[in-house]
Amino acid sequence: MAEFFHMGGYAFYVWMSFGISALVLLVNFLQPLLKHRQALREAEDYYSEV
């Protein structure tokens, strides 16, 4: 099992790649969600003023 996590001496690069990929996927999921909520709030504010 330790050899699996060691990845034949390339563990740092392999696990760093997995970590960066997971981070990018998380950002790609959260950013549009947050932008959508912000746009809805701005539209609500705009139409409440009119």
Protein backbone atom coordinates (compact mmCIF):
# COMPACT_ATOMS: atom_id res chain seq x y z
CA MET A 1 0.00 0.00 0.00
CA ALA A 2 2.86 2.37 0.79
CA GLU A 3 4.26 1.82 -2.70
CA PHE A 4 0.94 2.90 -4.19
CA PHE A 5 1.10 6.20 -2.30
CA HIS A 6 4.79 6.60 -3.11
CA MET A 7 4.01 6.21 -6.85
CA GLY A 8 7.44 4.90 -7.74
CA GLY A 9 9.18 8.10 -6.64
CA TYR A 10 6.77 10.43 -8.46
CA ALA A 11 4.30 10.86 -5.60
CA PHE A 12 4.80 14.61 -5.29
CA TYR A 13 3.97 15.23 -8.94
CA VAL A 14 1.12 12.74 -9.08
CA TRP A 15 -0.62 13.92 -5.90
CA MET A 16 0.01 17.56 -6.75
CA SER A 17 -1.63 16.96 -10.14
CA PHE A 18 -4.63 15.35 -8.48
CA GLY A 19 -4.89 18.22 -6.02
CA ILE A 20 -4.65 20.94 -8.65
CA SER A 21 -7.18 19.13 -10.85
CA ALA A 22 -9.62 18.86 -7.96
CA LEU A 23 -9.15 22.54 -7.16
CA VAL A 24 -9.79 23.55 -10.79
CA LEU A 25 -12.94 21.42 -10.92
CA LEU A 26 -14.17 22.96 -7.69
CA VAL A 27 -13.56 26.50 -8.97
CA ASN A 28 -15.27 25.65 -12.27
CA PHE A 29 -18.29 24.46 -10.30
CA LEU A 30 -18.50 27.27 -7.74
CA GLN A 31 -17.65 30.33 -9.82
CA PRO A 32 -20.69 30.23 -12.15
CA LEU A 33 -22.93 29.41 -9.20
CA LEU A 34 -21.73 32.46 -7.29
CA LYS A 35 -21.90 34.70 -10.37
CA HIS A 36 -25.49 33.56 -11.00
CA ARG A 37 -26.51 34.39 -7.43
CA GLN A 38 -24.84 37.79 -7.72
CA ALA A 39 -26.66 38.50 -10.99
CA LEU A 40 -29.98 37.55 -9.42
CA ARG A 41 -29.33 39.89 -6.49
CA GLU A 42 -28.38 42.73 -8.83
CA ALA A 43 -31.49 42.16 -10.95
CA GLU A 44 -33.67 42.11 -7.86
CA ASP A 45 -32.12 45.37 -6.65
CA TYR A 46 -32.56 46.96 -10.07
CA TYR A 47 -36.22 46.01 -10.39
CA SER A 48 -37.04 46.98 -6.80
CA GLU A 49 -35.80 50.52 -7.54
CA VAL A 50 -37.91 50.93 -10.67
